[in-house]
C-alpha atoms as a PDB file:
ATOM      1  CA  MET A   1     251.136 131.133 137.690  1.00  0.00           C
ATOM      2  CA  SER A   2     250.094 128.860 134.862  1.00  0.00           C
ATOM      3  CA  LYS A   3     250.962 125.371 136.131  1.00  0.00           C
ATOM      4  CA  TYR A   4     248.676 123.592 138.571  1.00  0.00           C
ATOM      5  CA  PHE A   5     248.831 120.201 140.255  1.00  0.00           C
ATOM      6  CA  GLY A   6     245.800 117.982 140.001  1.00  0.00           C
ATOM      7  CA  TYR A   7     245.125 114.806 141.966  1.00  0.00           C
ATOM      8  CA  ALA A   8     243.039 111.828 140.954  1.00  0.00           C
ATOM      9  CA  GLY A   9     241.397 109.275 143.219  1.00  0.00           C
ATOM     10  CA  THR A  10     240.935 105.791 141.773  1.00  0.00           C
ATOM     11  CA  TYR A  11     239.760 102.253 142.296  1.00  0.00           C
ATOM     12  CA  THR A  12     242.668  99.810 142.683  1.00  0.00           C
ATOM     13  CA  ARG A  13     240.864  96.701 141.488  1.00  0.00           C
ATOM     14  CA  LYS A  14     243.006  96.181 138.390  1.00  0.00           C
ATOM     15  CA  THR A  15     246.144  98.192 137.581  1.00  0.00           C
ATOM     16  CA  SER A  16     245.816 101.407 139.593  1.00  0.00           C
ATOM     17  CA  GLN A  17     248.113 101.866 142.590  1.00  0.00           C
ATOM     18  CA  GLY A  18     246.348 104.684 144.447  1.00  0.00           C
ATOM     19  CA  VAL A  19     246.255 108.491 144.244  1.00  0.00           C
ATOM     20  CA  TYR A  20     247.772 109.997 141.090  1.00  0.00           C
ATOM     21  CA  ARG A  21     249.205 113.468 140.468  1.00  0.00           C
ATOM     22  CA  PHE A  22     249.070 115.275 137.137  1.00  0.00           C
ATOM     23  CA  THR A  23     249.864 118.791 135.929  1.00  0.00           C
ATOM     24  CA  LEU A  24     247.858 121.302 133.908  1.00  0.00           C
ATOM     25  CA  ASP A  25     249.687 124.117 132.122  1.00  0.00           C
ATOM     26  CA  THR A  26     247.005 126.696 131.317  1.00  0.00           C
ATOM     27  CA  GLU A  27     249.378 128.856 129.275  1.00  0.00           C
ATOM     28  CA  LYS A  28     250.180 125.971 126.925  1.00  0.00           C
ATOM     29  CA  GLU A  29     246.726 124.394 127.387  1.00  0.00           C
ATOM     30  CA  GLN A  30     248.417 121.092 128.086  1.00  0.00           C
ATOM     31  CA  LEU A  31     247.985 118.156 130.458  1.00  0.00           C
ATOM     32  CA  PHE A  32     251.088 116.280 131.569  1.00  0.00           C
ATOM     33  CA  ALA A  33     251.050 112.534 132.210  1.00  0.00           C
ATOM     34  CA  ALA A  34     249.926 111.329 135.605  1.00  0.00           C
ATOM     35  CA  GLU A  35     252.248 109.643 138.104  1.00  0.00           C
ATOM     36  CA  ILE A  36     251.584 107.861 141.366  1.00  0.00           C
ATOM     37  CA  ALA A  37     251.526 110.241 144.344  1.00  0.00           C
ATOM     38  CA  ALA A  38     250.399 107.874 147.112  1.00  0.00           C
ATOM     39  CA  VAL A  39     250.165 104.096 147.081  1.00  0.00           C
ATOM     40  CA  LEU A  40     246.793 103.362 148.667  1.00  0.00           C
ATOM     41  CA  GLY A  41     243.943 100.885 148.320  1.00  0.00           C
ATOM     42  CA  ASN A  42     240.793 102.181 146.593  1.00  0.00           C
ATOM     43  CA  PRO A  43     241.194 105.942 147.288  1.00  0.00           C
ATOM     44  CA  THR A  44     238.052 106.621 145.271  1.00  0.00           C
ATOM     45  CA  TYR A  45     237.407 110.064 146.728  1.00  0.00           C
ATOM     46  CA  ILE A  46     239.864 112.699 147.886  1.00  0.00           C
ATOM     47  CA  THR A  47     239.604 116.195 149.336  1.00  0.00           C
ATOM     48  CA  PHE A  48     241.748 118.987 150.755  1.00  0.00           C
ATOM     49  CA  ASP A  49     241.404 120.882 154.001  1.00  0.00           C
ATOM     50  CA  GLU A  50     240.560 124.572 153.580  1.00  0.00           C
ATOM     51  CA  LYS A  51     244.198 125.714 153.425  1.00  0.00           C
ATOM     52  CA  GLN A  52     245.153 122.778 151.187  1.00  0.00           C
ATOM     53  CA  ASP A  53     247.889 121.785 153.608  1.00  0.00           C
ATOM     54  CA  TYR A  54     246.480 118.269 153.852  1.00  0.00           C
ATOM     55  CA  LEU A  55     244.842 115.804 151.482  1.00  0.00           C
ATOM     56  CA  TYR A  56     242.385 113.274 152.871  1.00  0.00           C
ATOM     57  CA  ALA A  57     241.584 110.112 150.923  1.00  0.00           C
ATOM     58  CA  VAL A  58     239.162 107.277 151.549  1.00  0.00           C
ATOM     59  CA  ALA A  59     241.090 104.025 151.743  1.00  0.00           C
ATOM     60  CA  GLN A  60     240.835 100.262 151.955  1.00  0.00           C
ATOM     61  CA  GLU A  61     243.264  97.673 153.260  1.00  0.00           C
ATOM     62  CA  ASP A  62     242.161  94.047 153.123  1.00  0.00           C
ATOM     63  CA  ASP A  63     238.807  93.939 154.965  1.00  0.00           C
ATOM     64  CA  MET A  64     239.304  97.350 156.600  1.00  0.00           C
ATOM     65  CA  GLY A  65     238.089 100.701 155.316  1.00  0.00           C
ATOM     66  CA  GLY A  66     238.430 104.329 156.360  1.00  0.00           C
ATOM     67  CA  VAL A  67     240.354 107.503 155.597  1.00  0.00           C
ATOM     68  CA  ASN A  68     244.032 108.471 155.325  1.00  0.00           C
ATOM     69  CA  ALA A  69     245.726 111.845 155.781  1.00  0.00           C
ATOM     70  CA  PHE A  70     248.667 113.235 153.775  1.00  0.00           C
ATOM     71  CA  ARG A  71     250.653 116.459 154.063  1.00  0.00           C
ATOM     72  CA  VAL A  72     250.835 118.315 150.732  1.00  0.00           C
ATOM     73  CA  ASP A  73     254.125 119.737 149.481  1.00  0.00           C
ATOM     74  CA  LYS A  74     252.785 122.631 147.421  1.00  0.00           C
ATOM     75  CA  THR A  75     256.081 123.107 145.586  1.00  0.00           C
ATOM     76  CA  SER A  76     256.645 119.549 144.387  1.00  0.00           C
ATOM     77  CA  GLY A  77     253.101 118.248 144.670  1.00  0.00           C
ATOM     78  CA  ASP A  78     254.363 115.332 146.772  1.00  0.00           C
ATOM     79  CA  LEU A  79     252.134 113.719 149.388  1.00  0.00           C
ATOM     80  CA  LYS A  80     253.671 112.719 152.725  1.00  0.00           C
ATOM     81  CA  PRO A  81     251.685 110.184 154.812  1.00  0.00           C
ATOM     82  CA  VAL A  82     250.431 111.488 158.161  1.00  0.00           C
ATOM     83  CA  ASN A  83     248.166 108.750 159.517  1.00  0.00           C
ATOM     84  CA  GLY A  84     245.093 106.682 158.745  1.00  0.00           C
ATOM     85  CA  GLN A  85     242.011 105.464 160.551  1.00  0.00           C
ATOM     86  CA  LEU A  86     240.491 102.240 159.290  1.00  0.00           C
ATOM     87  CA  VAL A  87     237.776 100.049 160.779  1.00  0.00           C
ATOM     88  CA  GLU A  88     236.346  96.707 159.776  1.00  0.00           C
ATOM     89  CA  GLY A  89     234.149  96.702 156.675  1.00  0.00           C
ATOM     90  CA  ASN A  90     233.793  98.501 153.373  1.00  0.00           C
ATOM     91  CA  PRO A  91     235.499 101.889 152.882  1.00  0.00           C
ATOM     92  CA  PRO A  92     233.602 105.182 152.551  1.00  0.00           C
ATOM     93  CA  CYS A  93     232.771 106.633 149.127  1.00  0.00           C
ATOM     94  CA  HIS A  94     233.010 110.338 150.008  1.00  0.00           C
ATOM     95  CA  VAL A  95     235.128 112.595 152.216  1.00  0.00           C
ATOM     96  CA  GLU A  96     235.158 116.320 152.974  1.00  0.00           C
ATOM     97  CA  ALA A  97     237.229 118.424 155.382  1.00  0.00           C
ATOM     98  CA  ALA A  98     236.708 121.779 157.111  1.00  0.00           C
ATOM     99  CA  GLU A  99     238.142 123.450 160.183  1.00  0.00           C
ATOM    100  CA  ASN A 100     239.293 120.581 162.426  1.00  0.00           C
ATOM    101  CA  LYS A 101     236.829 118.007 161.111  1.00  0.00           C
ATOM    102  CA  VAL A 102     236.758 115.348 158.406  1.00  0.00           C
ATOM    103  CA  VAL A 103     233.445 113.700 157.503  1.00  0.00           C
ATOM    104  CA  THR A 104     232.973 110.556 155.426  1.00  0.00           C
ATOM    105  CA  GLY A 105     229.958 108.960 153.795  1.00  0.00           C
ATOM    106  CA  ASN A 106     229.816 105.174 153.562  1.00  0.00           C
ATOM    107  CA  TYR A 107     227.560 103.856 150.797  1.00  0.00           C
ATOM    108  CA  HIS A 108     227.760 100.209 151.800  1.00  0.00           C
ATOM    109  CA  LYS A 109     227.352 100.701 155.551  1.00  0.00           C
ATOM    110  CA  GLY A 110     224.854 103.548 155.300  1.00  0.00           C
ATOM    111  CA  GLU A 111     226.737 105.605 157.844  1.00  0.00           C
ATOM    112  CA  ILE A 112     228.542 108.897 158.427  1.00  0.00           C
ATOM    113  CA  GLY A 113     232.001 109.059 159.941  1.00  0.00           C
ATOM    114  CA  LEU A 114     233.075 112.126 161.931  1.00  0.00           C
ATOM    115  CA  HIS A 115     236.799 112.552 162.580  1.00  0.00           C
ATOM    116  CA  PHE A 116     238.571 115.375 164.353  1.00  0.00           C
ATOM    117  CA  THR A 117     242.070 116.457 163.338  1.00  0.00           C
ATOM    118  CA  ASN A 118     244.909 118.064 165.269  1.00  0.00           C
ATOM    119  CA  GLU A 119     247.220 120.861 164.112  1.00  0.00           C
ATOM    120  CA  ASP A 120     249.392 118.328 162.269  1.00  0.00           C
ATOM    121  CA  GLY A 121     246.464 117.025 160.234  1.00  0.00           C
ATOM    122  CA  GLU A 122     246.274 113.733 162.123  1.00  0.00           C
ATOM    123  CA  LEU A 123     242.900 111.985 162.243  1.00  0.00           C
ATOM    124  CA  ASP A 124     241.349 110.662 165.438  1.00  0.00           C
ATOM    125  CA  GLN A 125     239.514 107.337 165.538  1.00  0.00           C
ATOM    126  CA  GLY A 126     236.165 108.927 164.713  1.00  0.00           C
ATOM    127  CA  ASN A 127     232.524 108.521 165.654  1.00  0.00           C
ATOM    128  CA  PHE A 128     229.966 106.874 163.381  1.00  0.00           C
ATOM    129  CA  THR A 129     226.270 107.557 162.856  1.00  0.00           C
ATOM    130  CA  LYS A 130     224.227 104.892 161.095  1.00  0.00           C
ATOM    131  CA  HIS A 131     221.115 105.583 159.010  1.00  0.00           C
ATOM    132  CA  GLU A 132     218.029 103.367 158.872  1.00  0.00           C
ATOM    133  CA  GLY A 133     215.370 102.826 156.211  1.00  0.00           C
ATOM    134  CA  ASN A 134     215.021 102.067 152.505  1.00  0.00           C
ATOM    135  CA  GLY A 135     213.280 103.222 149.325  1.00  0.00           C
ATOM    136  CA  PRO A 136     211.190 101.887 146.424  1.00  0.00           C
ATOM    137  CA  HIS A 137     213.990 101.478 143.856  1.00  0.00           C
ATOM    138  CA  GLU A 138     215.806  98.139 143.553  1.00  0.00           C
ATOM    139  CA  ARG A 139     219.036  99.851 144.648  1.00  0.00           C
ATOM    140  CA  GLN A 140     217.361 101.263 147.761  1.00  0.00           C
ATOM    141  CA  GLU A 141     217.195  98.061 149.806  1.00  0.00           C
ATOM    142  CA  LYS A 142     218.958  99.837 152.687  1.00  0.00           C
ATOM    143  CA  PRO A 143     220.594 103.219 153.492  1.00  0.00           C
ATOM    144  CA  HIS A 144     223.374 104.320 151.137  1.00  0.00           C
ATOM    145  CA  VAL A 145     225.061 107.508 152.350  1.00  0.00           C
ATOM    146  CA  HIS A 146     226.724 108.971 149.267  1.00  0.00           C
ATOM    147  CA  PHE A 147     227.693 112.505 150.337  1.00  0.00           C
ATOM    148  CA  THR A 148     228.768 114.165 153.554  1.00  0.00           C
ATOM    149  CA  GLY A 149     229.781 117.808 153.658  1.00  0.00           C
ATOM    150  CA  PHE A 150     229.623 121.109 155.482  1.00  0.00           C
ATOM    151  CA  THR A 151     227.313 124.085 155.123  1.00  0.00           C
ATOM    152  CA  PRO A 152     229.128 127.262 153.999  1.00  0.00           C
ATOM    153  CA  ASP A 153     229.234 128.643 157.559  1.00  0.00           C
ATOM    154  CA  LYS A 154     230.379 125.223 158.885  1.00  0.00           C
ATOM    155  CA  LYS A 155     227.477 125.323 161.352  1.00  0.00           C
ATOM    156  CA  PHE A 156     225.981 122.055 160.083  1.00  0.00           C
ATOM    157  CA  ILE A 157     227.020 118.803 158.426  1.00  0.00           C
ATOM    158  CA  ILE A 158     224.831 117.526 155.574  1.00  0.00           C
ATOM    159  CA  ALA A 159     224.400 113.908 154.484  1.00  0.00           C
ATOM    160  CA  ALA A 160     222.729 112.746 151.256  1.00  0.00           C
ATOM    161  CA  ASP A 161     221.344 109.225 151.512  1.00  0.00           C
ATOM    162  CA  LEU A 162     220.694 107.593 148.130  1.00  0.00           C
ATOM    163  CA  GLY A 163     219.047 104.581 149.742  1.00  0.00           C
ATOM    164  CA  THR A 164     216.410 106.394 151.805  1.00  0.00           C
ATOM    165  CA  ASP A 165     215.753 109.496 149.631  1.00  0.00           C
ATOM    166  CA  ARG A 166     216.796 111.817 152.439  1.00  0.00           C
ATOM    167  CA  LEU A 167     218.983 114.876 152.891  1.00  0.00           C
ATOM    168  CA  VAL A 168     219.797 115.084 156.597  1.00  0.00           C
ATOM    169  CA  THR A 169     221.163 118.089 158.492  1.00  0.00           C
ATOM    170  CA  TYR A 170     223.298 117.440 161.578  1.00  0.00           C
ATOM    171  CA  ARG A 171     224.858 119.574 164.273  1.00  0.00           C
ATOM    172  CA  VAL A 172     228.066 118.507 166.023  1.00  0.00           C
ATOM    173  CA  GLU A 173     227.531 118.122 169.768  1.00  0.00           C
ATOM    174  CA  ASP A 174     230.028 116.533 172.158  1.00  0.00           C
ATOM    175  CA  TYR A 175     232.061 115.009 169.331  1.00  0.00           C
ATOM    176  CA  SER A 176     229.037 113.321 167.778  1.00  0.00           C
ATOM    177  CA  LEU A 177     226.238 114.168 165.339  1.00  0.00           C
ATOM    178  CA  LYS A 178     222.752 115.293 166.338  1.00  0.00           C
ATOM    179  CA  GLU A 179     220.036 115.333 163.652  1.00  0.00           C
ATOM    180  CA  VAL A 180     218.314 118.704 163.376  1.00  0.00           C
ATOM    181  CA  SER A 181     216.380 118.510 160.091  1.00  0.00           C
ATOM    182  CA  THR A 182     215.469 116.134 157.252  1.00  0.00           C
ATOM    183  CA  PHE A 183     214.460 116.936 153.673  1.00  0.00           C
ATOM    184  CA  ARG A 184     212.821 114.115 151.722  1.00  0.00           C
ATOM    185  CA  THR A 185     213.239 113.884 147.971  1.00  0.00           C
ATOM    186  CA  GLN A 186     210.799 112.199 145.602  1.00  0.00           C
ATOM    187  CA  PRO A 187     210.648 108.429 146.314  1.00  0.00           C
ATOM    188  CA  GLY A 188     213.134 106.513 144.179  1.00  0.00           C
ATOM    189  CA  SER A 189     215.144 109.587 143.135  1.00  0.00           C
ATOM    190  CA  GLY A 190     218.319 108.635 145.022  1.00  0.00           C
ATOM    191  CA  PRO A 191     220.068 111.826 146.248  1.00  0.00           C
ATOM    192  CA  ARG A 192     223.796 111.600 145.544  1.00  0.00           C
ATOM    193  CA  HIS A 193     225.765 114.869 145.811  1.00  0.00           C
ATOM    194  CA  LEU A 194     225.154 118.450 146.961  1.00  0.00           C
ATOM    195  CA  VAL A 195     226.729 121.850 146.319  1.00  0.00           C
ATOM    196  CA  PHE A 196     225.908 125.249 147.792  1.00  0.00           C
ATOM    197  CA  HIS A 197     225.664 128.508 145.848  1.00  0.00           C
ATOM    198  CA  PRO A 198     228.763 130.596 146.697  1.00  0.00           C
ATOM    199  CA  ASN A 199     226.824 133.682 147.815  1.00  0.00           C
ATOM    200  CA  LYS A 200     223.149 132.721 148.170  1.00  0.00           C
ATOM    201  CA  SER A 201     221.241 130.603 150.661  1.00  0.00           C
ATOM    202  CA  VAL A 202     220.588 128.083 147.898  1.00  0.00           C
ATOM    203  CA  ALA A 203     221.790 124.502 147.454  1.00  0.00           C
ATOM    204  CA  TYR A 204     221.722 122.111 144.509  1.00  0.00           C
ATOM    205  CA  LEU A 205     221.066 118.423 145.091  1.00  0.00           C
ATOM    206  CA  LEU A 206     221.836 115.909 142.330  1.00  0.00           C
ATOM    207  CA  THR A 207     219.771 112.715 142.302  1.00  0.00           C
ATOM    208  CA  GLU A 208     221.526 109.684 140.856  1.00  0.00           C
ATOM    209  CA  LEU A 209     218.569 107.427 140.049  1.00  0.00           C
ATOM    210  CA  SER A 210     216.246 110.039 138.503  1.00  0.00           C
ATOM    211  CA  THR A 211     219.027 112.335 137.152  1.00  0.00           C
ATOM    212  CA  GLU A 212     217.578 115.603 138.401  1.00  0.00           C
ATOM    213  CA  VAL A 213     218.944 118.716 140.034  1.00  0.00           C
ATOM    214  CA  VAL A 214     216.736 119.778 142.922  1.00  0.00           C
ATOM    215  CA  VAL A 215     217.188 123.469 143.729  1.00  0.00           C
ATOM    216  CA  LEU A 216     216.725 124.106 147.442  1.00  0.00           C
ATOM    217  CA  ASP A 217     216.323 127.197 149.586  1.00  0.00           C
ATOM    218  CA  TYR A 218     218.542 126.771 152.630  1.00  0.00           C
ATOM    219  CA  ASN A 219     217.708 128.235 156.041  1.00  0.00           C
ATOM    220  CA  GLU A 220     221.026 129.158 157.620  1.00  0.00           C
ATOM    221  CA  GLU A 221     219.509 129.391 161.109  1.00  0.00           C
ATOM    222  CA  THR A 222     217.685 126.056 161.268  1.00  0.00           C
ATOM    223  CA  GLY A 223     219.553 123.987 158.680  1.00  0.00           C
ATOM    224  CA  GLU A 224     216.296 123.223 156.863  1.00  0.00           C
ATOM    225  CA  PHE A 225     215.928 122.815 153.093  1.00  0.00           C
ATOM    226  CA  THR A 226     212.869 123.696 150.977  1.00  0.00           C
ATOM    227  CA  GLU A 227     212.459 122.716 147.319  1.00  0.00           C
ATOM    228  CA  LYS A 228     211.997 125.541 144.811  1.00  0.00           C
ATOM    229  CA  GLN A 229     212.790 123.853 141.477  1.00  0.00           C
ATOM    230  CA  SER A 230     213.547 120.456 139.980  1.00  0.00           C
ATOM    231  CA  ILE A 231     215.138 120.146 136.547  1.00  0.00           C
ATOM    232  CA  VAL A 232     216.084 117.025 134.599  1.00  0.00           C
ATOM    233  CA  ALA A 233     219.800 116.699 133.790  1.00  0.00           C
ATOM    234  CA  LYS A 234     219.691 114.096 131.002  1.00  0.00           C
ATOM    235  CA  PRO A 235     218.150 114.149 127.505  1.00  0.00           C
ATOM    236  CA  ALA A 236     214.419 113.424 127.474  1.00  0.00           C
ATOM    237  CA  ASP A 237     214.863 110.904 124.653  1.00  0.00           C
ATOM    238  CA  PHE A 238     217.687 108.955 126.348  1.00  0.00           C
ATOM    239  CA  LYS A 239     216.013 105.725 127.467  1.00  0.00           C
ATOM    240  CA  GLU A 240     219.041 103.688 128.536  1.00  0.00           C
ATOM    241  CA  THR A 241     220.229 103.509 132.121  1.00  0.00           C
ATOM    242  CA  ASN A 242     221.835 106.741 133.289  1.00  0.00           C
ATOM    243  CA  ASP A 243     223.429 107.301 136.681  1.00  0.00           C
ATOM    244  CA  ALA A 244     224.047 110.949 137.519  1.00  0.00           C
ATOM    245  CA  SER A 245     227.479 111.456 139.077  1.00  0.00           C
ATOM    246  CA  ALA A 246     229.070 114.758 140.073  1.00  0.00           C
ATOM    247  CA  ILE A 247     227.769 118.291 140.525  1.00  0.00           C
ATOM    248  CA  HIS A 248     229.865 121.474 140.730  1.00  0.00           C
ATOM    249  CA  ILE A 249     229.144 125.207 140.597  1.00  0.00           C
ATOM    250  CA  THR A 250     231.513 127.979 139.526  1.00  0.00           C
ATOM    251  CA  SER A 251     232.883 130.334 142.183  1.00  0.00           C
ATOM    252  CA  ASP A 252     230.984 133.270 140.655  1.00  0.00           C
ATOM    253  CA  GLY A 253     227.746 131.316 140.987  1.00  0.00           C
ATOM    254  CA  LYS A 254     226.819 131.805 137.319  1.00  0.00           C
ATOM    255  CA  PHE A 255     227.050 128.241 135.977  1.00  0.00           C
ATOM    256  CA  LEU A 256     226.426 124.740 137.292  1.00  0.00           C
ATOM    257  CA  TYR A 257     227.484 121.407 135.743  1.00  0.00           C
ATOM    258  CA  THR A 258     226.538 117.771 136.344  1.00  0.00           C
ATOM    259  CA  GLY A 259     227.878 114.435 135.079  1.00  0.00           C
ATOM    260  CA  ASN A 260     225.970 111.652 133.300  1.00  0.00           C
ATOM    261  CA  ARG A 261     227.203 108.065 133.416  1.00  0.00           C
ATOM    262  CA  GLY A 262     225.423 106.201 130.635  1.00  0.00           C
ATOM    263  CA  HIS A 263     224.774 109.193 128.411  1.00  0.00           C
ATOM    264  CA  ASN A 264     228.482 109.963 128.981  1.00  0.00           C
ATOM    265  CA  SER A 265     228.104 113.725 129.060  1.00  0.00           C
ATOM    266  CA  ILE A 266     228.473 116.860 131.130  1.00  0.00           C
ATOM    267  CA  ALA A 267     225.243 118.858 131.466  1.00  0.00           C
ATOM    268  CA  SER A 268     225.587 122.616 131.836  1.00  0.00           C
ATOM    269  CA  PHE A 269     223.120 125.067 133.361  1.00  0.00           C
ATOM    270  CA  LYS A 270     222.905 128.823 133.760  1.00  0.00           C
ATOM    271  CA  VAL A 271     222.111 130.038 137.280  1.00  0.00           C
ATOM    272  CA  ASP A 272     219.609 132.875 137.651  1.00  0.00           C
ATOM    273  CA  GLU A 273     221.390 135.719 139.417  1.00  0.00           C
ATOM    274  CA  ASN A 274     218.321 136.566 141.519  1.00  0.00           C
ATOM    275  CA  SER A 275     216.538 133.313 142.344  1.00  0.00           C
ATOM    276  CA  GLY A 276     219.390 130.840 141.908  1.00  0.00           C
ATOM    277  CA  GLU A 277     217.138 128.679 139.734  1.00  0.00           C
ATOM    278  CA  LEU A 278     218.550 126.832 136.721  1.00  0.00           C
ATOM    279  CA  THR A 279     218.129 127.035 132.960  1.00  0.00           C
ATOM    280  CA  PHE A 280     219.512 124.139 130.912  1.00  0.00           C
ATOM    281  CA  LEU A 281     222.219 125.071 128.389  1.00  0.00           C
ATOM    282  CA  ALA A 282     223.810 122.015 126.765  1.00  0.00           C
ATOM    283  CA  PHE A 283     225.080 118.441 126.935  1.00  0.00           C
ATOM    284  CA  THR A 284     228.785 118.018 126.117  1.00  0.00           C
ATOM    285  CA  PRO A 285     230.241 114.537 125.469  1.00  0.00           C
ATOM    286  CA  SER A 286     232.674 113.696 128.289  1.00  0.00           C
ATOM    287  CA  GLY A 287     235.411 112.352 126.020  1.00  0.00           C
ATOM    288  CA  GLY A 288     235.176 108.831 127.424  1.00  0.00           C
ATOM    289  CA  GLU A 289     232.918 106.362 129.176  1.00  0.00           C
ATOM    290  CA  TRP A 290     231.339 106.727 132.611  1.00  0.00           C
ATOM    291  CA  PRO A 291     232.287 110.297 133.692  1.00  0.00           C
ATOM    292  CA  ARG A 292     232.453 109.747 137.444  1.00  0.00           C
ATOM    293  CA  ASP A 293     233.611 113.251 138.312  1.00  0.00           C
ATOM    294  CA  PHE A 294     235.034 116.510 136.977  1.00  0.00           C
ATOM    295  CA  ASP A 295     236.561 119.667 138.408  1.00  0.00           C
ATOM    296  CA  PHE A 296     237.443 123.220 137.410  1.00  0.00           C
ATOM    297  CA  ASP A 297     241.065 124.298 137.351  1.00  0.00           C
ATOM    298  CA  PRO A 298     241.899 127.240 139.688  1.00  0.00           C
ATOM    299  CA  THR A 299     241.313 129.777 136.875  1.00  0.00           C
ATOM    300  CA  GLU A 300     237.961 128.114 136.062  1.00  0.00           C
ATOM    301  CA  LYS A 301     238.760 128.615 132.370  1.00  0.00           C
ATOM    302  CA  TYR A 302     239.152 124.850 132.108  1.00  0.00           C
ATOM    303  CA  LEU A 303     237.319 121.749 133.262  1.00  0.00           C
ATOM    304  CA  VAL A 304     238.784 118.264 133.510  1.00  0.00           C
ATOM    305  CA  ALA A 305     236.494 115.238 133.326  1.00  0.00           C
ATOM    306  CA  SER A 306     237.443 111.830 134.725  1.00  0.00           C
ATOM    307  CA  ASN A 307     236.031 108.877 132.793  1.00  0.00           C
ATOM    308  CA  GLN A 308     236.219 105.730 134.903  1.00  0.00           C
ATOM    309  CA  HIS A 309     235.592 102.999 132.328  1.00  0.00           C
ATOM    310  CA  THR A 310     238.003 104.397 129.745  1.00  0.00           C
ATOM    311  CA  GLY A 311     240.571 105.374 132.410  1.00  0.00           C
ATOM    312  CA  ASN A 312     241.197 108.863 131.116  1.00  0.00           C
ATOM    313  CA  ILE A 313     241.129 112.509 132.127  1.00  0.00           C
ATOM    314  CA  VAL A 314     239.982 114.914 129.404  1.00  0.00           C
ATOM    315  CA  LEU A 315     240.608 118.670 129.277  1.00  0.00           C
ATOM    316  CA  PHE A 316     237.826 121.055 128.248  1.00  0.00           C
ATOM    317  CA  ARG A 317     238.047 124.770 127.610  1.00  0.00           C
ATOM    318  CA  ARG A 318     235.327 126.685 129.496  1.00  0.00           C
ATOM    319  CA  ASP A 319     233.909 130.017 128.307  1.00  0.00           C
ATOM    320  CA  VAL A 320     233.494 132.001 131.520  1.00  0.00           C
ATOM    321  CA  GLU A 321     230.896 134.272 129.898  1.00  0.00           C
ATOM    322  CA  THR A 322     228.617 131.664 128.302  1.00  0.00           C
ATOM    323  CA  GLY A 323     229.504 128.528 130.273  1.00  0.00           C
ATOM    324  CA  GLU A 324     230.163 126.603 127.050  1.00  0.00           C
ATOM    325  CA  LEU A 325     232.541 123.649 127.189  1.00  0.00           C
ATOM    326  CA  THR A 326     234.835 122.818 124.278  1.00  0.00           C
ATOM    327  CA  GLU A 327     236.869 119.619 124.257  1.00  0.00           C
ATOM    328  CA  THR A 328     240.595 120.059 123.607  1.00  0.00           C
ATOM    329  CA  ASP A 329     242.964 117.396 122.287  1.00  0.00           C
ATOM    330  CA  GLN A 330     244.475 116.940 125.758  1.00  0.00           C
ATOM    331  CA  VAL A 331     243.820 113.522 127.266  1.00  0.00           C
ATOM    332  CA  ILE A 332     245.900 111.587 129.800  1.00  0.00           C
ATOM    333  CA  ASP A 333     245.535 108.047 131.088  1.00  0.00           C
ATOM    334  CA  VAL A 334     244.680 107.416 134.744  1.00  0.00           C
ATOM    335  CA  PRO A 335     243.635 103.822 135.451  1.00  0.00           C
ATOM    336  CA  GLU A 336     240.246 103.299 137.125  1.00  0.00           C
ATOM    337  CA  VAL A 337     239.942 107.044 137.735  1.00  0.00           C
ATOM    338  CA  VAL A 338     237.074 108.263 139.919  1.00  0.00           C
ATOM    339  CA  CYS A 339     237.519 111.814 141.203  1.00  0.00           C
ATOM    340  CA  VAL A 340     239.754 114.811 140.523  1.00  0.00           C
ATOM    341  CA  LYS A 341     240.811 117.805 142.647  1.00  0.00           C
ATOM    342  CA  PHE A 342     243.120 120.742 141.902  1.00  0.00           C
ATOM    343  CA  LEU A 343     245.695 122.365 144.148  1.00  0.00           C
ATOM    344  CA  SER A 344     245.233 126.104 143.717  1.00  0.00           C
END
């Protein structure tokens, strides 16, 4: 197989209509133009369930926000609406799915949404857990939950709160969340996104405001995190505003990448095979402005970067031995693009 469907979440403030579908042909090293896959308001973040039978997208309709479910036709790439759950207020900014659960993080409300799904992918109304507190940075006037996801064993749910400099571990009890542990980052750092090492009890937390990757030992029994390394993910001589964006690790656990909005680059790191700690490798221009996200194709020989301000998706060749990224001439337009995900 050499052709893969990709999906792009977007803002719909200007010309975008919702979730877009595009195709990558790895044999020809070619991207094919994007087309609308689901008309939806502000589906800025999208995710699949573990079997990729369903796609879940954050959504907004008038003054309501929430999450919508779609069944994925893996042959055509079409998305068939299942249902949606919206409540009053701003929509979430992040969504992740595992087993029979979908969790959302709401930046504006400072809360986590927990939805259960049935065998047809339908979402229930959900339960919501609100954070309290603030931080020293001007953007930390209140809680801003920016990431919600699952630990590798699905035992815990993790929330990164940019507004309160906290990484909170929850356990699901009686259809609601119970806090079991809290890791506090440096004041004003603004934790944004988290990824786990594929085969070590190590996690990598990206801070948006300070642009650092905090390497954490993870206790699988207690859900606790302990810092073991912190490494800056932007050039030392870059003095303009930079907001770190996405963080992803390869499935072999050898390389990790982060996005820089402002410096407009992808930072690459080599992962130590024993400790899981990071060594910086290179900055690669993202091929546009404001790289909000990026993703590996299913072969992981390619990386696509989504540049929000220039409304484009750029294809990079990835050396699986060295981690080096090389920009190709393949660029497609996706208006107001935010995040990208591949169907494997």
